[in-house]
N, C-alpha and C. Protein backbone atom coordinates (compact mmCIF):
# COMPACT_ATOMS: atom_id res chain seq x y z
N MET A 1 16.81 22.02 12.92
CA MET A 1 16.79 22.60 12.25
C MET A 1 17.39 23.27 10.54
N GLU A 2 18.08 23.51 11.01
CA GLU A 2 18.36 24.41 9.26
C GLU A 2 19.20 23.62 8.31
N GLU A 3 19.60 21.74 8.65
CA GLU A 3 20.07 20.95 8.14
C GLU A 3 18.38 21.20 7.40
N ARG A 4 17.12 20.64 8.34
CA ARG A 4 15.95 20.75 7.82
C ARG A 4 15.60 21.24 6.74
N ILE A 5 16.19 22.67 7.04
CA ILE A 5 15.15 23.67 5.74
C ILE A 5 15.87 23.61 5.07
N LEU A 6 17.30 23.25 4.56
CA LEU A 6 18.42 23.46 3.43
C LEU A 6 17.90 22.73 2.89
N ARG A 7 17.40 20.72 3.11
CA ARG A 7 17.42 20.28 2.49
C ARG A 7 15.79 19.98 1.65
N PHE A 8 14.34 21.06 2.62
CA PHE A 8 13.25 21.29 2.17
C PHE A 8 13.92 22.64 1.19
N ILE A 9 14.64 23.15 1.40
CA ILE A 9 14.95 24.43 -0.31
C ILE A 9 15.30 23.55 -1.15
N SER A 10 16.32 22.49 -0.88
CA SER A 10 16.28 21.81 -2.29
C SER A 10 15.18 20.54 -2.60
N ALA A 11 14.17 20.37 -2.05
CA ALA A 11 13.16 19.69 -2.36
C ALA A 11 12.46 21.24 -3.69
N LEU A 12 12.07 21.59 -3.11
CA LEU A 12 11.91 22.89 -3.64
C LEU A 12 13.43 23.29 -4.65
N ARG A 13 13.50 23.99 -4.79
CA ARG A 13 14.67 23.51 -5.89
C ARG A 13 14.52 22.55 -7.42
N ALA A 14 14.40 21.04 -6.70
CA ALA A 14 13.90 19.99 -7.39
C ALA A 14 13.11 20.34 -8.12
N SER A 15 11.84 20.39 -7.62
CA SER A 15 10.42 20.97 -8.04
C SER A 15 10.47 21.38 -9.06
N GLY A 16 11.65 21.67 -9.45
CA GLY A 16 11.08 23.70 -10.15
C GLY A 16 11.07 24.90 -9.43
N VAL A 17 11.07 25.16 -8.95
CA VAL A 17 10.89 26.51 -7.99
C VAL A 17 12.53 27.03 -7.72
N ARG A 18 11.94 28.52 -7.91
CA ARG A 18 13.08 28.90 -8.74
C ARG A 18 13.37 29.57 -7.08
N ILE A 19 14.74 29.52 -6.28
CA ILE A 19 14.93 30.07 -4.87
C ILE A 19 16.73 29.91 -5.02
N SER A 20 16.90 31.84 -5.07
CA SER A 20 18.72 32.25 -5.20
C SER A 20 19.23 31.38 -3.58
N LEU A 21 20.30 31.62 -3.45
CA LEU A 21 21.15 31.73 -2.00
C LEU A 21 20.32 33.22 -1.91
N ALA A 22 20.64 34.49 -2.29
CA ALA A 22 19.91 35.39 -1.15
C ALA A 22 18.04 34.98 -0.08
N GLU A 23 17.36 33.73 -1.62
CA GLU A 23 16.93 34.34 -0.26
C GLU A 23 16.62 32.55 0.09
N SER A 24 17.43 31.71 -0.24
CA SER A 24 17.54 30.96 1.49
C SER A 24 17.88 31.36 2.51
N ALA A 25 19.70 32.16 2.44
CA ALA A 25 19.77 33.61 3.62
C ALA A 25 18.71 33.97 4.05
N ASP A 26 17.38 34.63 3.32
CA ASP A 26 16.43 34.84 4.66
C ASP A 26 15.35 34.52 4.66
N GLY A 27 15.73 32.81 4.61
CA GLY A 27 14.78 31.94 4.87
C GLY A 27 15.06 31.54 5.92
N LEU A 28 15.65 31.53 6.41
CA LEU A 28 17.11 30.62 7.24
C LEU A 28 16.62 32.40 8.53
N ARG A 29 16.86 33.40 7.97
CA ARG A 29 17.45 34.13 9.28
C ARG A 29 15.25 34.26 9.03
N ALA A 30 14.39 34.32 8.54
CA ALA A 30 12.79 34.61 8.69
C ALA A 30 12.94 33.41 9.88
N VAL A 31 13.14 32.71 9.73
CA VAL A 31 12.93 31.33 10.65
C VAL A 31 13.44 31.65 12.55
N ARG A 32 15.33 31.89 11.89
CA ARG A 32 15.09 32.52 13.39
C ARG A 32 14.56 33.61 14.49
N ALA A 33 13.69 34.62 13.47
CA ALA A 33 13.05 35.64 14.10
C ALA A 33 11.87 35.10 14.40
N ALA A 34 11.57 34.45 13.56
CA ALA A 34 9.49 33.95 13.69
C ALA A 34 10.07 32.61 15.26
N GLY A 35 11.37 31.69 14.60
CA GLY A 35 10.55 30.99 16.02
C GLY A 35 10.77 30.19 15.23
N VAL A 36 9.85 28.51 15.79
CA VAL A 36 9.78 27.46 15.32
C VAL A 36 8.34 26.98 16.41
N GLY A 37 8.37 27.47 16.97
CA GLY A 37 7.02 27.02 18.00
C GLY A 37 5.54 27.47 17.25
N ASP A 38 5.05 28.05 16.89
CA ASP A 38 4.77 28.77 16.25
C ASP A 38 4.38 27.78 14.95
N ARG A 39 3.38 26.87 14.77
CA ARG A 39 3.68 25.91 13.12
C ARG A 39 3.21 27.00 11.40
N ASP A 40 2.50 27.55 11.90
CA ASP A 40 1.89 28.15 11.07
C ASP A 40 2.66 29.57 10.93
N ARG A 41 3.00 30.16 11.87
CA ARG A 41 3.78 31.55 12.07
C ARG A 41 5.61 30.71 11.23
N PHE A 42 5.93 29.71 11.60
CA PHE A 42 6.82 29.23 10.98
C PHE A 42 7.02 29.35 9.35
N ARG A 43 5.94 28.59 8.83
CA ARG A 43 5.22 27.51 8.26
C ARG A 43 5.07 29.65 6.35
N VAL A 44 4.45 30.38 7.52
CA VAL A 44 3.61 31.38 6.90
C VAL A 44 5.34 32.36 6.41
N SER A 45 6.21 32.24 7.73
CA SER A 45 7.48 33.34 7.39
C SER A 45 8.23 32.44 6.49
N LEU A 46 8.42 31.37 6.83
CA LEU A 46 9.57 30.45 5.65
C LEU A 46 9.54 30.56 4.28
N ARG A 47 7.72 30.68 4.04
CA ARG A 47 7.00 31.08 3.10
C ARG A 47 7.31 32.51 2.12
N ALA A 48 7.05 32.63 2.75
CA ALA A 48 7.36 34.60 2.33
C ALA A 48 8.81 35.00 1.32
N ALA A 49 9.41 34.41 2.65
CA ALA A 49 10.99 34.50 2.54
C ALA A 49 11.06 33.90 0.96
N LEU A 50 11.16 32.41 0.86
CA LEU A 50 11.33 32.10 -0.23
C LEU A 50 10.56 31.70 -1.83
N ILE A 51 8.85 31.81 -0.93
CA ILE A 51 8.27 31.74 -2.85
C ILE A 51 8.14 33.63 -3.56
N LYS A 52 8.28 32.94 -4.17
CA LYS A 52 7.91 34.42 -4.90
C LYS A 52 7.43 35.01 -6.64
N GLU A 53 6.93 33.38 -6.59
CA GLU A 53 6.73 33.27 -7.78
C GLU A 53 4.97 32.45 -7.40
N HIS A 54 3.73 33.13 -8.40
CA HIS A 54 2.73 32.37 -7.87
C HIS A 54 2.63 30.55 -8.08
N ARG A 55 3.34 30.36 -8.67
CA ARG A 55 3.15 28.62 -9.46
C ARG A 55 4.14 27.87 -8.02
N GLY A 56 4.96 28.04 -7.43
CA GLY A 56 6.07 27.63 -6.12
C GLY A 56 4.55 27.49 -5.34
N LEU A 57 4.20 28.29 -4.83
CA LEU A 57 2.60 28.42 -3.31
C LEU A 57 3.16 26.95 -3.71
N ALA A 58 1.99 26.85 -4.96
CA ALA A 58 1.69 24.80 -4.76
C ALA A 58 2.54 23.92 -3.82
N ILE A 59 3.82 24.43 -4.50
CA ILE A 59 4.45 23.06 -4.62
C ILE A 59 5.76 23.07 -2.87
N PHE A 60 4.68 24.93 -2.29
CA PHE A 60 6.16 25.11 -1.20
C PHE A 60 4.23 23.56 -0.10
N ASP A 61 3.62 23.97 -0.98
CA ASP A 61 2.53 24.02 -0.22
C ASP A 61 2.10 22.48 0.42
N ARG A 62 2.51 21.70 -0.83
CA ARG A 62 2.45 20.19 -1.05
C ARG A 62 3.66 19.75 -0.66
N LEU A 63 5.21 20.24 -0.26
CA LEU A 63 6.40 19.86 0.17
C LEU A 63 6.05 19.62 2.19
N PHE A 64 5.64 20.78 2.11
CA PHE A 64 6.53 22.15 3.25
C PHE A 64 5.82 20.18 4.55
N PRO A 65 4.82 19.53 4.43
CA PRO A 65 3.56 19.05 5.34
C PRO A 65 5.69 17.88 5.17
N VAL A 66 5.45 17.60 4.25
CA VAL A 66 7.31 16.40 4.02
C VAL A 66 7.61 16.55 4.29
N PHE A 67 8.25 17.62 5.46
CA PHE A 67 9.42 18.09 5.47
C PHE A 67 9.59 17.93 7.37
N PHE A 68 7.69 18.78 7.80
CA PHE A 68 8.06 19.91 8.94
C PHE A 68 6.54 19.13 9.83
N ASP A 69 6.08 17.98 9.41
CA ASP A 69 4.84 17.36 9.34
C ASP A 69 5.55 16.22 10.88
N HIS A 70 4.84 15.93 11.71
CA HIS A 70 5.37 14.51 12.55
C HIS A 70 4.44 13.77 12.15
N ALA A 71 3.26 14.12 11.60
CA ALA A 71 2.34 13.97 11.41
C ALA A 71 1.99 12.48 9.81
N ALA A 72 3.09 13.62 9.44
CA ALA A 72 2.74 12.71 7.66
C ALA A 72 3.74 11.39 7.67
N VAL A 73 4.31 11.29 8.37
CA VAL A 73 5.48 9.70 8.92
C VAL A 73 4.22 9.16 8.68
N PRO A 74 3.46 7.82 8.46
CA PRO A 74 3.37 7.17 9.82
C PRO A 74 4.23 6.20 10.10
N SER A 75 3.85 6.04 11.46
CA SER A 75 4.38 4.80 12.10
C SER A 75 3.99 3.48 11.52
N LEU A 76 4.96 3.20 11.29
CA LEU A 76 5.13 1.95 11.71
C LEU A 76 4.45 -0.12 11.82
N PRO A 77 4.21 -0.14 12.22
CA PRO A 77 3.27 -1.80 12.98
C PRO A 77 4.71 -2.30 13.06
N ASP A 78 3.81 -2.22 15.05
CA ASP A 78 4.65 -4.00 14.94
C ASP A 78 4.35 -5.50 15.10
N LEU A 79 4.97 -5.68 14.30
CA LEU A 79 4.64 -6.83 13.47
C LEU A 79 4.96 -7.59 15.22
N ALA A 80 6.60 -8.48 15.35
CA ALA A 80 6.60 -9.18 16.21
C ALA A 80 5.22 -9.05 17.03
N SER A 81 4.65 -8.68 17.18
CA SER A 81 3.37 -8.88 18.40
C SER A 81 2.64 -8.97 17.61
N ASP A 82 2.49 -9.56 16.54
CA ASP A 82 1.09 -10.46 15.92
C ASP A 82 1.20 -11.50 15.84
N LEU A 83 2.22 -11.68 15.74
CA LEU A 83 2.83 -13.00 15.01
C LEU A 83 3.39 -13.95 16.11
N SER A 84 2.41 -15.85 15.62
CA SER A 84 3.31 -16.40 16.22
C SER A 84 4.50 -16.67 16.51
N PRO A 85 5.12 -18.23 18.00
CA PRO A 85 6.07 -17.92 17.89
C PRO A 85 6.63 -18.62 16.21
N GLN A 86 5.32 -20.16 15.81
CA GLN A 86 5.88 -20.51 14.23
C GLN A 86 6.01 -19.19 13.25
N GLU A 87 4.85 -18.40 12.45
CA GLU A 87 5.41 -17.47 11.87
C GLU A 87 6.93 -16.96 12.10
N ALA A 88 7.02 -16.43 13.35
CA ALA A 88 8.29 -15.96 13.58
C ALA A 88 9.88 -16.17 13.31
N GLY A 89 9.69 -17.82 13.24
CA GLY A 89 10.67 -19.06 12.37
C GLY A 89 10.41 -18.61 11.14
N LEU A 90 9.23 -18.50 10.45
CA LEU A 90 9.20 -18.96 9.27
C LEU A 90 9.98 -17.25 8.38
N LEU A 91 9.70 -15.36 9.56
CA LEU A 91 10.00 -15.36 9.20
C LEU A 91 12.09 -14.66 9.32
N ALA A 92 12.01 -15.32 10.27
CA ALA A 92 13.44 -15.62 10.88
C ALA A 92 14.22 -17.02 9.33
N GLU A 93 13.54 -17.76 9.07
CA GLU A 93 13.89 -17.83 8.03
C GLU A 93 13.95 -17.82 6.75
N ALA A 94 13.61 -16.71 6.43
CA ALA A 94 13.03 -16.32 5.51
C ALA A 94 14.30 -15.63 4.98
N LEU A 95 14.90 -14.13 6.12
CA LEU A 95 15.43 -13.24 6.72
C LEU A 95 16.47 -13.37 6.06
N ARG A 96 17.04 -15.14 6.33
CA ARG A 96 18.47 -15.85 6.82
C ARG A 96 18.80 -15.53 4.77
N GLN A 97 17.44 -16.50 4.31
CA GLN A 97 17.65 -16.90 3.35
C GLN A 97 17.69 -15.61 2.58
N PHE A 98 17.55 -14.66 3.13
CA PHE A 98 17.37 -13.26 1.95
C PHE A 98 18.76 -13.29 1.95
N SER A 99 19.74 -13.16 2.93
CA SER A 99 20.17 -11.95 3.88
C SER A 99 21.12 -13.46 2.52
N GLU A 100 21.74 -14.61 3.24
CA GLU A 100 22.49 -15.20 1.90
C GLU A 100 22.53 -15.50 0.90
N SER A 101 21.35 -14.82 -0.02
CA SER A 101 21.16 -14.49 -1.45
C SER A 101 22.17 -13.15 -1.48
N LEU A 102 21.67 -11.83 -0.51
CA LEU A 102 22.58 -11.02 -1.22
C LEU A 102 23.76 -11.02 -1.08
N ARG A 103 23.92 -11.67 -0.17
CA ARG A 103 25.27 -12.27 0.01
C ARG A 103 26.61 -12.31 -1.04
N ARG A 104 25.56 -13.29 -1.59
CA ARG A 104 25.69 -13.78 -3.23
C ARG A 104 26.31 -12.91 -4.42
N THR A 105 25.15 -12.51 -3.94
CA THR A 105 24.97 -11.53 -5.50
C THR A 105 26.26 -10.51 -4.52
N PHE A 106 26.24 -9.88 -4.13
CA PHE A 106 27.77 -8.99 -4.21
C PHE A 106 28.92 -10.23 -3.81
N GLU A 107 29.73 -11.15 -3.44
CA GLU A 107 30.18 -11.08 -4.02
C GLU A 107 30.72 -11.90 -5.54
N ARG A 108 29.16 -11.77 -6.17
CA ARG A 108 29.58 -11.96 -7.84
C ARG A 108 30.28 -10.81 -8.18
N LEU A 109 29.46 -9.71 -7.71
CA LEU A 109 29.25 -8.74 -8.02
C LEU A 109 31.49 -7.79 -7.58
N LEU A 110 32.09 -8.85 -6.75
CA LEU A 110 33.10 -8.14 -6.26
C LEU A 110 34.39 -8.77 -7.65
N ARG A 111 34.22 -9.71 -7.79
CA ARG A 111 34.23 -10.54 -8.56
C ARG A 111 34.10 -10.05 -10.50
N GLY A 112 33.62 -9.93 -10.55
CA GLY A 112 32.69 -8.55 -12.42
C GLY A 112 32.34 -9.10 -13.03
N GLU A 113 30.97 -10.31 -12.16
CA GLU A 113 30.17 -10.82 -12.76
C GLU A 113 29.23 -10.21 -12.86
N PRO A 114 28.83 -10.45 -14.15
CA PRO A 114 27.82 -9.52 -15.20
C PRO A 114 25.90 -10.48 -13.89
N LEU A 115 24.92 -9.15 -14.36
CA LEU A 115 23.67 -10.27 -13.07
C LEU A 115 23.21 -9.07 -13.80
N SER A 116 22.41 -10.50 -13.95
CA SER A 116 20.82 -10.62 -14.83
C SER A 116 19.76 -8.99 -14.67
N ASP A 117 19.15 -8.94 -15.69
CA ASP A 117 17.43 -7.46 -15.49
C ASP A 117 17.34 -8.18 -14.16
N GLU A 118 16.55 -9.32 -14.14
CA GLU A 118 16.00 -9.87 -13.29
C GLU A 118 16.25 -9.65 -11.77
N GLU A 119 17.75 -10.33 -12.10
CA GLU A 119 17.94 -9.94 -10.94
C GLU A 119 18.77 -8.21 -10.60
N LEU A 120 18.92 -7.52 -10.92
CA LEU A 120 19.40 -5.96 -10.96
C LEU A 120 18.05 -5.59 -10.57
N GLN A 121 16.58 -5.97 -11.54
CA GLN A 121 15.78 -5.41 -10.42
C GLN A 121 15.43 -6.18 -9.21
N ARG A 122 15.34 -7.41 -9.46
CA ARG A 122 15.09 -7.56 -7.24
C ARG A 122 16.44 -7.18 -6.21
N LEU A 123 17.30 -6.37 -6.44
CA LEU A 123 18.75 -5.88 -6.08
C LEU A 123 17.83 -4.65 -6.48
N GLY A 124 17.32 -3.83 -6.88
CA GLY A 124 16.68 -2.86 -6.71
C GLY A 124 15.78 -2.32 -5.82
N ARG A 125 14.89 -3.33 -5.97
CA ARG A 125 13.46 -3.41 -5.08
C ARG A 125 14.27 -2.92 -3.28
N ALA A 126 15.16 -4.49 -3.60
CA ALA A 126 16.01 -4.39 -1.70
C ALA A 126 16.45 -3.41 -0.83
N VAL A 127 17.20 -2.25 -2.10
CA VAL A 127 17.41 -1.31 -1.62
C VAL A 127 16.62 0.14 -1.83
N GLY A 128 15.40 -0.12 -2.43
CA GLY A 128 14.11 0.96 -1.76
C GLY A 128 14.13 1.89 -3.46
N LEU A 129 14.89 1.19 -4.62
CA LEU A 129 14.95 2.42 -5.55
C LEU A 129 13.29 2.57 -6.23
N GLN A 130 12.57 1.76 -6.13
CA GLN A 130 11.10 2.67 -6.22
C GLN A 130 10.86 3.93 -5.97
N GLN A 131 11.42 4.17 -4.58
CA GLN A 131 11.13 5.24 -3.51
C GLN A 131 12.11 6.09 -4.45
N VAL A 132 12.86 6.29 -5.87
CA VAL A 132 14.09 7.37 -5.99
C VAL A 132 13.17 8.31 -6.41
N ASP A 133 11.52 8.67 -6.38
CA ASP A 133 10.85 9.22 -6.70
C ASP A 133 10.84 10.36 -5.63
N ASP A 134 10.17 9.50 -4.79
CA ASP A 134 9.60 10.15 -3.11
C ASP A 134 11.12 11.21 -3.29
N LEU A 135 10.20 12.56 -2.32
CA LEU A 135 11.18 13.88 -2.32
C LEU A 135 11.88 13.29 -1.10
N ARG A 136 11.10 12.43 -0.54
CA ARG A 136 12.02 11.96 1.26
C ARG A 136 12.55 11.29 0.98
N TYR A 137 12.91 10.17 0.35
CA TYR A 137 14.02 9.83 0.49
C TYR A 137 15.17 10.21 -0.65
N ARG A 138 14.83 11.24 -1.25
CA ARG A 138 15.79 11.98 -2.96
C ARG A 138 17.56 11.33 -2.51
N GLU A 139 17.59 12.00 -1.22
CA GLU A 139 19.39 12.23 -0.55
C GLU A 139 19.77 10.47 0.41
C-alpha cells in the first residue's frame, strides 16, 4: 500500500500539487493511524495530510479513485468465449503476422537502420504511447 500511496503522491506532484517530503511522511503516518479499512476515513486522512492549498483539492479528488478504487478500472471482456473457431483462427493468424512484423522491425533497429515516420507511429501505438498522458500509465 505504501508503494501505491507514493505513486499517488508522485501523480499529485506531476499534476502541479506542491507536496513536501515532510507532508509525504505525514501522509504515510496518517494512513497508518487511520488504517485503510474504512475507505472514506482513509481518503480524508490522506487528503488532510497532503493537501495544503485549495486548488489541490480538486486534483486530489480526481486522482484518488484512479489509484484507490478498484471499480474505476473496467474489466476486460472475455473475447475468446465470443469467437467462432474460424474467427479464433483468423485472430491467431493476425497475431502471428503482427509478431513477425514486430520481429523484423526490431532486427532493423538492431542493425541501425532508420524507421520511417509511419513505422515509428505504428510502433508507438503498439507499445501504448498514446496512453502516455494517462497518469495510471505514467510510470
